[in-house]
Every structure is written in C-alpha cells, then in structure tokens.
C-alpha cells in the first residue's frame, strides 16, 4: 500500500506559466510609450520649450536676461603670517544691467580697492573653511553694491579663488 509521501513524490512538478510576466512587461512598454508621447506632444508638462523660444523672440521677448559682465582685475593678496597659506589669488566678474555697464566700469578702481581691503582683513583660517566662499562672496557683493550704488550690480561671479 502506498503512503501519502510516495504519491506526492511520484507526481510531476507543476510548471508555472510565464504568461503574467510577459503581459506585465508588455503593459509596462505600452504605458511607458504612452507617457513619453503625452509628454513629448505637450499634453503633459507644456511641450517643447525649444519650439516656443523662437516664437518668444519674434514677439519681442528676450530669452536671455539683459545683463553685461564687467571683469574685475585679478587680485593677489598677501595673507596674515598666522596661516599656512601665504597668498590668495582672486578674480571675479560683476553681473550688471547693460544700462549700467559703463558706470560700473568707471567705478572699477573703487571696487578693486574695497575688495582688496576686505580680503586683507579676512583671517586665513576663515578662507580655508570650505563653506567660507559663500559667506565671503555675500560680504564682497554687499560692499560692491555700496560702492557702485543700488541696482547697478546684480551679482558677483567668482572665477578664481586660489590659496597658496
């Protein structure tokens, strides 16, 4: 007489169907394609910005901001003897409205003077801190705006900041 264990051992293993896996992959491809088409055609997300940019220019709207960049002469500042580094090399550009570019260019010697004085007063340990550049940049921008007048300088772009 056969026991229950022997009858289950003799039965062939049940093979699972791969149909749900294939249908799931097919559904994912169809839905992904539909999502791509909806985004690409503009039904979702606003469509192509590259196609609307020439239309904006034709209408008189400028895509680029109305700014000019005024280069600040590179500065080399000797640091206080307490730090490891002995010199700071600094270069920057000022972002200004195009209407004020000539005025800021005229005041550039004062801007260099205020930057030079500020950078000499900063402690060498403060310059070595990785987060110091953001704080120092904000301080310098405020001083530049005081020298040039309100509304003449939008931003200070640091192009070189090297300690050696």
Foldseek 3Di string as FASTA:
>chain_A
DDDPVVVVVPDDDDDDDCVVVVVVVVVVVVVVVVVVCCAQVCVPDRHDPVVCVVVCVVVVHDPDDQKDKAWQPWDWAAEDPPDPFGIKIWIKIFIFHPVQPVLLNVLRVVLNVVLRVVVRPDHPVLLVDPPSVVVVQVVSVVVSCVSSDPRGTDGIGIPGIDTD
